[in-house]
Amino acid sequence: MSTTTKPILIIYAHPYSGSFNHAVLETIKQNLTRQKQAYTVIDLYQDQFNPVYDTEELRLFHTGQTHDPLVTKYLALLKSAGEIIFVTPIWWNALPAMLKGFIDKVMKEGEDLTHTVTKTGVKGCLTNLKQAYVFTTSTSPTLYFKLMSGNSIQKIFINKTLKQLGIKKAKWINFGGITNSTVQQRQKFLSRCNQLQFTH
C-alpha cells in the first residue's frame, strides 16, 4: 500500500474517450485503486474548462482572484494533493492548448496559491506536490522527439514550469510513434503504467 496520505491529483487532457490516452488514464486509475491510493481526476474536456483568458480574468490575475468557478475548484484540489499525474498527448511538439491554458489560468500568484514573484524570479508554492508523473503520447518516436524536436516536455514543462511551481521531482513516461504502433506495443505500455508504484 502507498504511504501517501494526501490524494493524488490526475490532470487529464484529451477530448476522445476512445483514445489511447483514455486507456492510459483508466489503467492508472485501476493501478491506484489496487494500491489503495485515493485520487481525484480533473478531466479538462469533460469539465468544458475554458483555457482562454478574457479581460476580466486577466485583470484579476495579480490579485490571485478569478471569476471562473472551475479555477477556484482546481486550485483547491492542487493545494490538497500530495502528488500530481498528467495524462496528455503531445501535439505539434508541445502541450495541447487545453493543458497550456490550465497552467496559464489556474496557476495563480499568491503565497497561499501556486507561486509568488520575487526579484530573482518565480518562487513555487506547490511544495505539497512531492512528485509529478507526466504520461504522454507522441506521433514522433521518443528518441526523435528528444533529440530533433526540442524535447519541450522535459526541457520546458518539467525542468522549468513544474520546478517554478515548486514541484521538484518529476518522472516523464512517453509512448512514442503511436500512429504506427502495434497492439502489442500499446499493451506493453499499458502494462508498464499498471505496474508503476505511485508514492513519494
N, C-alpha and C. Protein backbone atom coordinates (compact mmCIF):
# COMPACT_ATOMS: atom_id res chain seq x y z
N MET A 1 0.84 -1.19 0.00
CA MET A 1 0.00 0.00 0.00
C MET A 1 0.88 1.25 0.00
N SER A 2 0.45 2.28 -0.71
CA SER A 2 1.23 3.52 -0.75
C SER A 2 1.22 4.19 0.61
N THR A 3 2.34 4.86 0.91
CA THR A 3 2.43 5.59 2.18
C THR A 3 1.92 7.02 2.05
N THR A 4 1.49 7.39 0.85
CA THR A 4 0.99 8.73 0.62
C THR A 4 -0.29 8.95 1.41
N THR A 5 -0.37 10.05 2.18
CA THR A 5 -1.57 10.34 2.96
C THR A 5 -2.51 11.27 2.22
N LYS A 6 -1.96 12.14 1.38
CA LYS A 6 -2.80 13.04 0.60
C LYS A 6 -3.19 12.39 -0.72
N PRO A 7 -4.34 12.76 -1.26
CA PRO A 7 -4.74 12.15 -2.53
C PRO A 7 -3.84 12.57 -3.69
N ILE A 8 -3.84 11.75 -4.72
CA ILE A 8 -3.14 12.08 -5.95
C ILE A 8 -4.12 12.80 -6.87
N LEU A 9 -3.65 13.84 -7.52
CA LEU A 9 -4.48 14.59 -8.46
C LEU A 9 -4.06 14.24 -9.88
N ILE A 10 -5.02 13.80 -10.68
CA ILE A 10 -4.76 13.47 -12.08
C ILE A 10 -5.34 14.58 -12.96
N ILE A 11 -4.50 15.12 -13.83
CA ILE A 11 -4.95 16.11 -14.81
C ILE A 11 -4.99 15.42 -16.17
N TYR A 12 -6.18 15.28 -16.72
CA TYR A 12 -6.36 14.55 -17.98
C TYR A 12 -6.77 15.52 -19.08
N ALA A 13 -6.05 15.46 -20.21
CA ALA A 13 -6.29 16.43 -21.28
C ALA A 13 -6.41 15.75 -22.63
N HIS A 14 -7.54 15.11 -22.86
CA HIS A 14 -7.83 14.54 -24.19
C HIS A 14 -9.35 14.51 -24.37
N PRO A 15 -9.84 14.92 -25.55
CA PRO A 15 -11.28 15.04 -25.74
C PRO A 15 -12.02 13.75 -26.09
N TYR A 16 -11.28 12.68 -26.45
CA TYR A 16 -11.93 11.49 -27.01
C TYR A 16 -11.80 10.30 -26.07
N SER A 17 -12.94 9.75 -25.66
CA SER A 17 -12.94 8.65 -24.70
C SER A 17 -12.44 7.34 -25.31
N GLY A 18 -12.33 7.29 -26.64
CA GLY A 18 -11.81 6.10 -27.29
C GLY A 18 -10.33 6.18 -27.60
N SER A 19 -9.67 7.21 -27.10
CA SER A 19 -8.25 7.42 -27.40
C SER A 19 -7.37 6.51 -26.55
N PHE A 20 -6.12 6.37 -26.98
CA PHE A 20 -5.15 5.63 -26.19
C PHE A 20 -4.84 6.38 -24.89
N ASN A 21 -4.87 7.71 -24.94
CA ASN A 21 -4.68 8.49 -23.72
C ASN A 21 -5.73 8.12 -22.68
N HIS A 22 -6.96 7.88 -23.12
CA HIS A 22 -8.00 7.50 -22.18
C HIS A 22 -7.74 6.11 -21.60
N ALA A 23 -7.19 5.23 -22.43
CA ALA A 23 -6.81 3.90 -21.93
C ALA A 23 -5.71 4.02 -20.88
N VAL A 24 -4.77 4.94 -21.09
CA VAL A 24 -3.72 5.19 -20.10
C VAL A 24 -4.35 5.69 -18.79
N LEU A 25 -5.27 6.63 -18.92
CA LEU A 25 -5.96 7.16 -17.74
C LEU A 25 -6.64 6.05 -16.95
N GLU A 26 -7.41 5.21 -17.64
CA GLU A 26 -8.15 4.14 -16.97
C GLU A 26 -7.21 3.14 -16.31
N THR A 27 -6.08 2.87 -16.96
CA THR A 27 -5.10 1.95 -16.39
C THR A 27 -4.48 2.53 -15.13
N ILE A 28 -4.16 3.80 -15.15
CA ILE A 28 -3.59 4.46 -13.97
C ILE A 28 -4.60 4.45 -12.82
N LYS A 29 -5.86 4.71 -13.12
CA LYS A 29 -6.90 4.67 -12.08
C LYS A 29 -7.01 3.28 -11.46
N GLN A 30 -6.96 2.26 -12.30
CA GLN A 30 -7.02 0.89 -11.79
C GLN A 30 -5.81 0.59 -10.91
N ASN A 31 -4.65 1.05 -11.33
CA ASN A 31 -3.42 0.87 -10.56
C ASN A 31 -3.54 1.53 -9.19
N LEU A 32 -4.01 2.76 -9.17
CA LEU A 32 -4.15 3.49 -7.90
C LEU A 32 -5.16 2.83 -6.98
N THR A 33 -6.24 2.34 -7.55
CA THR A 33 -7.26 1.65 -6.76
C THR A 33 -6.67 0.39 -6.14
N ARG A 34 -5.88 -0.34 -6.92
CA ARG A 34 -5.24 -1.56 -6.40
C ARG A 34 -4.27 -1.23 -5.27
N GLN A 35 -3.60 -0.09 -5.39
CA GLN A 35 -2.65 0.35 -4.35
C GLN A 35 -3.36 1.01 -3.16
N LYS A 36 -4.70 1.06 -3.24
CA LYS A 36 -5.49 1.71 -2.19
C LYS A 36 -5.09 3.16 -1.99
N GLN A 37 -4.80 3.82 -3.10
CA GLN A 37 -4.40 5.22 -3.10
C GLN A 37 -5.56 6.10 -3.55
N ALA A 38 -5.96 7.04 -2.72
CA ALA A 38 -7.03 7.97 -3.07
C ALA A 38 -6.57 8.89 -4.20
N TYR A 39 -7.49 9.18 -5.10
CA TYR A 39 -7.16 10.08 -6.21
C TYR A 39 -8.39 10.85 -6.65
N THR A 40 -8.13 11.96 -7.32
CA THR A 40 -9.17 12.78 -7.94
C THR A 40 -8.75 13.06 -9.37
N VAL A 41 -9.71 13.03 -10.29
CA VAL A 41 -9.42 13.30 -11.69
C VAL A 41 -10.01 14.64 -12.11
N ILE A 42 -9.18 15.49 -12.70
CA ILE A 42 -9.66 16.68 -13.40
C ILE A 42 -9.65 16.34 -14.88
N ASP A 43 -10.83 16.21 -15.46
CA ASP A 43 -10.97 15.92 -16.89
C ASP A 43 -11.32 17.25 -17.57
N LEU A 44 -10.31 17.89 -18.13
CA LEU A 44 -10.47 19.26 -18.61
C LEU A 44 -11.52 19.38 -19.71
N TYR A 45 -11.56 18.43 -20.62
CA TYR A 45 -12.54 18.50 -21.70
C TYR A 45 -13.94 18.17 -21.21
N GLN A 46 -14.06 17.15 -20.37
CA GLN A 46 -15.37 16.80 -19.84
C GLN A 46 -15.94 17.93 -18.98
N ASP A 47 -15.05 18.62 -18.27
CA ASP A 47 -15.48 19.76 -17.45
C ASP A 47 -15.82 20.98 -18.30
N GLN A 48 -15.48 20.92 -19.59
CA GLN A 48 -15.64 22.06 -20.51
C GLN A 48 -14.91 23.29 -19.97
N PHE A 49 -13.72 23.04 -19.46
CA PHE A 49 -12.88 24.12 -18.98
C PHE A 49 -12.53 25.06 -20.13
N ASN A 50 -12.63 26.35 -19.89
CA ASN A 50 -12.28 27.34 -20.90
C ASN A 50 -10.83 27.78 -20.66
N PRO A 51 -9.89 27.38 -21.54
CA PRO A 51 -8.48 27.70 -21.31
C PRO A 51 -8.10 29.12 -21.73
N VAL A 52 -9.07 29.88 -22.23
CA VAL A 52 -8.77 31.20 -22.80
C VAL A 52 -9.00 32.29 -21.76
N TYR A 53 -8.02 33.16 -21.61
CA TYR A 53 -8.18 34.33 -20.75
C TYR A 53 -9.15 35.32 -21.39
N ASP A 54 -10.03 35.88 -20.57
CA ASP A 54 -10.77 37.05 -21.01
C ASP A 54 -10.23 38.26 -20.25
N THR A 55 -10.73 39.43 -20.57
CA THR A 55 -10.19 40.66 -19.98
C THR A 55 -10.33 40.68 -18.46
N GLU A 56 -11.47 40.23 -17.96
CA GLU A 56 -11.72 40.26 -16.52
C GLU A 56 -10.79 39.28 -15.79
N GLU A 57 -10.61 38.08 -16.36
CA GLU A 57 -9.75 37.09 -15.72
C GLU A 57 -8.31 37.60 -15.66
N LEU A 58 -7.87 38.24 -16.72
CA LEU A 58 -6.51 38.78 -16.74
C LEU A 58 -6.36 39.91 -15.73
N ARG A 59 -7.39 40.73 -15.58
CA ARG A 59 -7.35 41.83 -14.61
C ARG A 59 -7.20 41.30 -13.19
N LEU A 60 -7.80 40.16 -12.92
CA LEU A 60 -7.79 39.59 -11.58
C LEU A 60 -6.53 38.78 -11.28
N PHE A 61 -5.71 38.52 -12.30
CA PHE A 61 -4.59 37.59 -12.16
C PHE A 61 -3.67 37.93 -10.99
N HIS A 62 -3.18 39.16 -10.94
CA HIS A 62 -2.19 39.51 -9.92
C HIS A 62 -2.77 39.63 -8.51
N THR A 63 -4.08 39.60 -8.40
CA THR A 63 -4.71 39.60 -7.08
C THR A 63 -4.96 38.18 -6.59
N GLY A 64 -4.68 37.20 -7.46
CA GLY A 64 -4.93 35.81 -7.10
C GLY A 64 -6.39 35.43 -7.16
N GLN A 65 -7.22 36.30 -7.73
CA GLN A 65 -8.64 36.04 -7.80
C GLN A 65 -9.03 35.53 -9.19
N THR A 66 -10.28 35.08 -9.30
CA THR A 66 -10.79 34.56 -10.56
C THR A 66 -12.30 34.72 -10.60
N HIS A 67 -12.86 34.77 -11.79
CA HIS A 67 -14.33 34.73 -11.89
C HIS A 67 -14.77 33.42 -12.53
N ASP A 68 -13.84 32.47 -12.67
CA ASP A 68 -14.14 31.15 -13.22
C ASP A 68 -14.23 30.15 -12.08
N PRO A 69 -15.41 29.59 -11.80
CA PRO A 69 -15.55 28.67 -10.66
C PRO A 69 -14.69 27.42 -10.79
N LEU A 70 -14.38 27.00 -12.02
CA LEU A 70 -13.53 25.84 -12.20
C LEU A 70 -12.10 26.13 -11.73
N VAL A 71 -11.64 27.34 -11.95
CA VAL A 71 -10.30 27.71 -11.48
C VAL A 71 -10.24 27.61 -9.96
N THR A 72 -11.25 28.10 -9.28
CA THR A 72 -11.32 28.00 -7.81
C THR A 72 -11.30 26.55 -7.36
N LYS A 73 -12.09 25.72 -8.03
CA LYS A 73 -12.15 24.29 -7.71
C LYS A 73 -10.80 23.63 -7.94
N TYR A 74 -10.19 23.89 -9.07
CA TYR A 74 -8.91 23.27 -9.40
C TYR A 74 -7.80 23.70 -8.44
N LEU A 75 -7.80 24.96 -8.06
CA LEU A 75 -6.79 25.44 -7.10
C LEU A 75 -6.90 24.70 -5.77
N ALA A 76 -8.11 24.49 -5.31
CA ALA A 76 -8.30 23.78 -4.04
C ALA A 76 -7.79 22.35 -4.14
N LEU A 77 -8.03 21.71 -5.27
CA LEU A 77 -7.56 20.34 -5.47
C LEU A 77 -6.04 20.29 -5.54
N LEU A 78 -5.42 21.26 -6.19
CA LEU A 78 -3.96 21.32 -6.27
C LEU A 78 -3.33 21.46 -4.89
N LYS A 79 -3.92 22.31 -4.06
CA LYS A 79 -3.34 22.59 -2.75
C LYS A 79 -3.54 21.44 -1.76
N SER A 80 -4.50 20.56 -2.03
CA SER A 80 -4.78 19.47 -1.09
C SER A 80 -4.16 18.14 -1.51
N ALA A 81 -3.53 18.10 -2.68
CA ALA A 81 -2.97 16.85 -3.19
C ALA A 81 -1.54 16.64 -2.72
N GLY A 82 -1.08 15.38 -2.78
CA GLY A 82 0.28 15.05 -2.41
C GLY A 82 1.18 14.77 -3.59
N GLU A 83 0.58 14.35 -4.70
CA GLU A 83 1.29 14.10 -5.95
C GLU A 83 0.38 14.53 -7.09
N ILE A 84 0.96 14.65 -8.28
CA ILE A 84 0.16 15.03 -9.43
C ILE A 84 0.56 14.18 -10.64
N ILE A 85 -0.43 13.78 -11.41
CA ILE A 85 -0.22 12.99 -12.62
C ILE A 85 -0.86 13.72 -13.79
N PHE A 86 -0.10 13.91 -14.85
CA PHE A 86 -0.63 14.49 -16.08
C PHE A 86 -0.74 13.38 -17.13
N VAL A 87 -1.87 13.31 -17.79
CA VAL A 87 -2.07 12.38 -18.91
C VAL A 87 -2.48 13.22 -20.11
N THR A 88 -1.63 13.29 -21.12
CA THR A 88 -1.86 14.21 -22.23
C THR A 88 -1.15 13.75 -23.49
N PRO A 89 -1.71 14.06 -24.65
CA PRO A 89 -0.94 13.87 -25.88
C PRO A 89 0.06 15.00 -26.05
N ILE A 90 1.03 14.78 -26.91
CA ILE A 90 1.91 15.85 -27.39
C ILE A 90 1.41 16.22 -28.78
N TRP A 91 1.00 17.46 -28.94
CA TRP A 91 0.51 17.94 -30.23
C TRP A 91 1.44 19.03 -30.74
N TRP A 92 1.95 18.85 -31.94
CA TRP A 92 2.87 19.83 -32.54
C TRP A 92 4.02 20.16 -31.60
N ASN A 93 4.60 19.10 -31.03
CA ASN A 93 5.83 19.19 -30.23
C ASN A 93 5.67 19.89 -28.89
N ALA A 94 4.43 20.04 -28.42
CA ALA A 94 4.21 20.75 -27.16
C ALA A 94 2.91 20.27 -26.51
N LEU A 95 2.58 20.88 -25.38
CA LEU A 95 1.33 20.56 -24.70
C LEU A 95 0.14 21.05 -25.52
N PRO A 96 -0.99 20.35 -25.47
CA PRO A 96 -2.21 20.87 -26.10
C PRO A 96 -2.62 22.21 -25.50
N ALA A 97 -3.31 23.01 -26.28
CA ALA A 97 -3.75 24.33 -25.81
C ALA A 97 -4.60 24.23 -24.54
N MET A 98 -5.39 23.16 -24.43
CA MET A 98 -6.23 22.99 -23.24
C MET A 98 -5.38 22.90 -21.97
N LEU A 99 -4.32 22.10 -22.02
CA LEU A 99 -3.48 21.94 -20.84
C LEU A 99 -2.63 23.18 -20.60
N LYS A 100 -2.15 23.79 -21.67
CA LYS A 100 -1.39 25.04 -21.53
C LYS A 100 -2.27 26.11 -20.89
N GLY A 101 -3.54 26.17 -21.31
CA GLY A 101 -4.47 27.13 -20.72
C GLY A 101 -4.75 26.84 -19.26
N PHE A 102 -4.76 25.56 -18.88
CA PHE A 102 -4.91 25.19 -17.47
C PHE A 102 -3.77 25.78 -16.66
N ILE A 103 -2.54 25.64 -17.16
CA ILE A 103 -1.38 26.21 -16.48
C ILE A 103 -1.50 27.73 -16.42
N ASP A 104 -1.85 28.35 -17.54
CA ASP A 104 -1.94 29.81 -17.60
C ASP A 104 -2.96 30.37 -16.61
N LYS A 105 -4.15 29.77 -16.57
CA LYS A 105 -5.25 30.35 -15.80
C LYS A 105 -5.29 29.92 -14.33
N VAL A 106 -4.92 28.67 -14.07
CA VAL A 106 -5.09 28.13 -12.72
C VAL A 106 -3.91 28.45 -11.81
N MET A 107 -2.74 28.56 -12.38
CA MET A 107 -1.55 28.82 -11.56
C MET A 107 -1.50 30.29 -11.16
N LYS A 108 -2.25 30.60 -10.12
CA LYS A 108 -2.42 31.98 -9.68
C LYS A 108 -1.30 32.43 -8.76
N GLU A 109 -1.02 33.71 -8.82
CA GLU A 109 0.03 34.30 -7.99
C GLU A 109 -0.49 34.58 -6.59
N GLY A 110 0.27 34.12 -5.59
CA GLY A 110 -0.11 34.35 -4.19
C GLY A 110 0.54 33.30 -3.31
N GLU A 111 0.97 33.67 -2.11
CA GLU A 111 1.67 32.75 -1.21
C GLU A 111 0.81 31.56 -0.84
N ASP A 112 -0.50 31.74 -0.77
CA ASP A 112 -1.39 30.64 -0.44
C ASP A 112 -1.95 29.98 -1.69
N LEU A 113 -1.38 30.32 -2.85
CA LEU A 113 -1.86 29.75 -4.12
C LEU A 113 -0.74 28.93 -4.75
N THR A 114 -0.24 29.30 -5.93
CA THR A 114 0.72 28.41 -6.60
C THR A 114 2.14 28.97 -6.69
N HIS A 115 2.29 30.30 -6.66
CA HIS A 115 3.63 30.87 -6.78
C HIS A 115 3.62 32.34 -6.40
N THR A 116 4.81 32.84 -6.11
CA THR A 116 4.99 34.28 -5.93
C THR A 116 6.11 34.73 -6.88
N VAL A 117 6.17 36.02 -7.12
CA VAL A 117 7.21 36.57 -7.99
C VAL A 117 8.15 37.42 -7.15
N THR A 118 9.42 37.06 -7.15
CA THR A 118 10.42 37.78 -6.38
C THR A 118 11.37 38.52 -7.33
N LYS A 119 12.32 39.24 -6.78
CA LYS A 119 13.28 39.96 -7.61
C LYS A 119 14.17 39.02 -8.40
N THR A 120 14.30 37.78 -7.91
CA THR A 120 15.16 36.81 -8.59
C THR A 120 14.39 35.83 -9.46
N GLY A 121 13.05 35.96 -9.49
CA GLY A 121 12.26 35.07 -10.34
C GLY A 121 11.04 34.52 -9.63
N VAL A 122 10.49 33.45 -10.19
CA VAL A 122 9.28 32.83 -9.66
C VAL A 122 9.63 31.86 -8.54
N LYS A 123 8.91 31.96 -7.43
CA LYS A 123 9.08 31.05 -6.30
C LYS A 123 7.82 30.20 -6.17
N GLY A 124 7.99 28.88 -6.30
CA GLY A 124 6.85 27.98 -6.28
C GLY A 124 6.28 27.75 -4.90
N CYS A 125 4.96 27.63 -4.83
CA CYS A 125 4.26 27.39 -3.57
C CYS A 125 3.55 26.04 -3.54
N LEU A 126 3.67 25.26 -4.61
CA LEU A 126 3.01 23.95 -4.65
C LEU A 126 3.97 22.87 -4.14
N THR A 127 4.63 23.17 -3.04
CA THR A 127 5.59 22.23 -2.48
C THR A 127 4.90 21.02 -1.83
N ASN A 128 3.59 21.09 -1.68
CA ASN A 128 2.84 19.92 -1.20
C ASN A 128 2.86 18.79 -2.23
N LEU A 129 3.09 19.13 -3.50
CA LEU A 129 3.14 18.13 -4.56
C LEU A 129 4.56 17.58 -4.63
N LYS A 130 4.78 16.47 -3.96
CA LYS A 130 6.14 15.92 -3.80
C LYS A 130 6.65 15.23 -5.06
N GLN A 131 5.75 14.84 -5.94
CA GLN A 131 6.17 14.11 -7.14
C GLN A 131 5.16 14.37 -8.25
N ALA A 132 5.67 14.55 -9.46
CA ALA A 132 4.82 14.64 -10.64
C ALA A 132 5.15 13.50 -11.58
N TYR A 133 4.12 12.98 -12.24
CA TYR A 133 4.29 11.99 -13.29
C TYR A 133 3.65 12.57 -14.54
N VAL A 134 4.35 12.53 -15.65
CA VAL A 134 3.84 13.09 -16.89
C VAL A 134 3.78 11.96 -17.92
N PHE A 135 2.57 11.51 -18.21
CA PHE A 135 2.35 10.46 -19.21
C PHE A 135 1.93 11.13 -20.52
N THR A 136 2.69 10.88 -21.58
CA THR A 136 2.39 11.50 -22.87
C THR A 136 2.41 10.45 -23.98
N THR A 137 1.78 10.83 -25.09
CA THR A 137 1.88 10.06 -26.33
C THR A 137 2.31 11.02 -27.42
N SER A 138 3.10 10.50 -28.36
CA SER A 138 3.56 11.36 -29.45
C SER A 138 3.58 10.59 -30.76
N THR A 139 3.31 11.30 -31.86
CA THR A 139 3.43 10.71 -33.18
C THR A 139 4.89 10.40 -33.48
N SER A 140 5.78 11.31 -33.11
CA SER A 140 7.21 11.09 -33.31
C SER A 140 7.72 10.03 -32.34
N PRO A 141 8.66 9.21 -32.76
CA PRO A 141 9.32 8.31 -31.81
C PRO A 141 9.95 9.11 -30.68
N THR A 142 10.02 8.54 -29.50
CA THR A 142 10.51 9.27 -28.33
C THR A 142 11.92 9.82 -28.54
N LEU A 143 12.80 9.02 -29.10
CA LEU A 143 14.18 9.47 -29.32
C LEU A 143 14.22 10.65 -30.28
N TYR A 144 13.42 10.60 -31.34
CA TYR A 144 13.37 11.71 -32.29
C TYR A 144 12.84 12.96 -31.60
N PHE A 145 11.79 12.80 -30.78
CA PHE A 145 11.22 13.94 -30.07
C PHE A 145 12.25 14.58 -29.15
N LYS A 146 13.02 13.74 -28.46
CA LYS A 146 14.02 14.27 -27.52
C LYS A 146 15.17 14.96 -28.23
N LEU A 147 15.64 14.38 -29.35
CA LEU A 147 16.86 14.88 -29.98
C LEU A 147 16.62 15.88 -31.11
N MET A 148 15.47 15.76 -31.79
CA MET A 148 15.26 16.55 -33.00
C MET A 148 14.11 17.55 -32.91
N SER A 149 13.22 17.36 -31.96
CA SER A 149 12.01 18.19 -31.90
C SER A 149 11.96 19.13 -30.71
N GLY A 150 13.09 19.33 -30.06
CA GLY A 150 13.15 20.32 -28.99
C GLY A 150 12.97 19.79 -27.58
N ASN A 151 12.37 18.58 -27.45
CA ASN A 151 12.18 17.98 -26.13
C ASN A 151 11.51 18.93 -25.15
N SER A 152 10.42 19.54 -25.58
CA SER A 152 9.77 20.58 -24.78
C SER A 152 9.18 20.06 -23.48
N ILE A 153 8.77 18.80 -23.44
CA ILE A 153 8.17 18.27 -22.21
C ILE A 153 9.20 18.25 -21.08
N GLN A 154 10.38 17.72 -21.35
CA GLN A 154 11.41 17.66 -20.32
C GLN A 154 12.04 19.03 -20.07
N LYS A 155 12.42 19.72 -21.14
CA LYS A 155 13.19 20.95 -21.01
C LYS A 155 12.36 22.14 -20.51
N ILE A 156 11.12 22.22 -20.95
CA ILE A 156 10.29 23.37 -20.58
C ILE A 156 9.27 23.02 -19.49
N PHE A 157 8.39 22.04 -19.77
CA PHE A 157 7.30 21.75 -18.85
C PHE A 157 7.82 21.22 -17.51
N ILE A 158 8.72 20.24 -17.55
CA ILE A 158 9.20 19.63 -16.31
C ILE A 158 10.31 20.46 -15.66
N ASN A 159 11.37 20.73 -16.44
CA ASN A 159 12.55 21.40 -15.86
C ASN A 159 12.33 22.86 -15.52
N LYS A 160 11.38 23.49 -16.17
CA LYS A 160 11.14 24.92 -15.93
C LYS A 160 9.79 25.14 -15.24
N THR A 161 8.68 24.86 -15.92
CA THR A 161 7.35 25.20 -15.40
C THR A 161 7.06 24.52 -14.07
N LEU A 162 7.17 23.19 -14.03
CA LEU A 162 6.84 22.48 -12.79
C LEU A 162 7.78 22.87 -11.66
N LYS A 163 9.06 23.03 -11.95
CA LYS A 163 10.01 23.43 -10.90
C LYS A 163 9.72 24.84 -10.39
N GLN A 164 9.32 25.74 -11.30
CA GLN A 164 8.97 27.09 -10.87
C GLN A 164 7.75 27.09 -9.96
N LEU A 165 6.90 26.09 -10.10
CA LEU A 165 5.70 25.99 -9.27
C LEU A 165 6.00 25.29 -7.93
N GLY A 166 7.23 24.81 -7.76
CA GLY A 166 7.61 24.17 -6.50
C GLY A 166 7.59 22.66 -6.54
N ILE A 167 7.35 22.07 -7.73
CA ILE A 167 7.33 20.62 -7.89
C ILE A 167 8.72 20.17 -8.34
N LYS A 168 9.50 19.66 -7.43
CA LYS A 168 10.92 19.43 -7.70
C LYS A 168 11.22 18.08 -8.33
N LYS A 169 10.34 17.10 -8.10
CA LYS A 169 10.59 15.76 -8.64
C LYS A 169 9.53 15.42 -9.69
N ALA A 170 9.98 14.92 -10.84
CA ALA A 170 9.04 14.56 -11.89
C ALA A 170 9.59 13.42 -12.72
N LYS A 171 8.71 12.55 -13.14
CA LYS A 171 9.06 11.42 -14.00
C LYS A 171 8.22 11.51 -15.27
N TRP A 172 8.89 11.48 -16.41
CA TRP A 172 8.21 11.58 -17.71
C TRP A 172 8.22 10.21 -18.39
N ILE A 173 7.05 9.77 -18.80
CA ILE A 173 6.90 8.48 -19.47
C ILE A 173 6.14 8.71 -20.79
N ASN A 174 6.81 8.53 -21.90
CA ASN A 174 6.20 8.81 -23.21
C ASN A 174 6.04 7.53 -24.03
N PHE A 175 4.91 7.45 -24.73
CA PHE A 175 4.71 6.39 -25.72
C PHE A 175 4.86 7.03 -27.10
N GLY A 176 6.03 6.85 -27.70
CA GLY A 176 6.32 7.48 -28.98
C GLY A 176 5.93 6.62 -30.16
N GLY A 177 5.80 7.25 -31.32
CA GLY A 177 5.44 6.54 -32.54
C GLY A 177 4.08 5.89 -32.47
N ILE A 178 3.16 6.55 -31.78
CA ILE A 178 1.87 5.91 -31.51
C ILE A 178 1.06 5.62 -32.78
N THR A 179 1.18 6.47 -33.79
CA THR A 179 0.39 6.29 -35.01
C THR A 179 0.65 4.95 -35.67
N ASN A 180 1.89 4.51 -35.66
CA ASN A 180 2.27 3.26 -36.32
C ASN A 180 2.55 2.12 -35.33
N SER A 181 2.10 2.28 -34.10
CA SER A 181 2.36 1.27 -33.09
C SER A 181 1.45 0.06 -33.26
N THR A 182 1.90 -1.06 -32.73
CA THR A 182 1.11 -2.29 -32.78
C THR A 182 0.29 -2.44 -31.50
N VAL A 183 -0.68 -3.33 -31.56
CA VAL A 183 -1.49 -3.62 -30.38
C VAL A 183 -0.60 -4.12 -29.24
N GLN A 184 0.37 -4.94 -29.59
CA GLN A 184 1.27 -5.50 -28.57
C GLN A 184 2.09 -4.39 -27.91
N GLN A 185 2.55 -3.42 -28.69
CA GLN A 185 3.33 -2.31 -28.13
C GLN A 185 2.48 -1.47 -27.20
N ARG A 186 1.22 -1.26 -27.58
CA ARG A 186 0.32 -0.47 -26.72
C ARG A 186 0.01 -1.22 -25.43
N GLN A 187 -0.20 -2.52 -25.54
CA GLN A 187 -0.48 -3.31 -24.35
C GLN A 187 0.72 -3.33 -23.40
N LYS A 188 1.92 -3.35 -23.97
CA LYS A 188 3.13 -3.33 -23.17
C LYS A 188 3.24 -2.02 -22.40
N PHE A 189 2.90 -0.91 -23.05
CA PHE A 189 2.96 0.38 -22.37
C PHE A 189 1.91 0.46 -21.27
N LEU A 190 0.71 -0.03 -21.53
CA LEU A 190 -0.33 -0.03 -20.50
C LEU A 190 0.07 -0.90 -19.32
N SER A 191 0.75 -2.01 -19.60
CA SER A 191 1.24 -2.87 -18.52
C SER A 191 2.25 -2.13 -17.67
N ARG A 192 3.09 -1.33 -18.32
CA ARG A 192 4.06 -0.52 -17.57
C ARG A 192 3.35 0.48 -16.67
N CYS A 193 2.30 1.11 -17.20
CA CYS A 193 1.51 2.07 -16.40
C CYS A 193 0.85 1.37 -15.21
N ASN A 194 0.45 0.15 -15.41
CA ASN A 194 -0.27 -0.60 -14.39
C ASN A 194 0.65 -1.09 -13.28
N GLN A 195 1.95 -1.18 -13.57
CA GLN A 195 2.90 -1.70 -12.58
C GLN A 195 3.63 -0.60 -11.81
N LEU A 196 3.50 0.63 -12.25
CA LEU A 196 4.23 1.72 -11.62
C LEU A 196 3.74 1.97 -10.21
N GLN A 197 4.68 2.15 -9.29
CA GLN A 197 4.35 2.46 -7.91
C GLN A 197 4.26 3.97 -7.72
N PHE A 198 3.11 4.45 -7.34
CA PHE A 198 2.90 5.89 -7.12
C PHE A 198 3.05 6.18 -5.64
N THR A 199 4.18 6.69 -5.26
CA THR A 199 4.40 7.04 -3.86
C THR A 199 5.56 8.00 -3.76
N HIS A 200 5.48 8.92 -2.81
CA HIS A 200 6.61 9.80 -2.54
C HIS A 200 7.17 9.52 -1.15
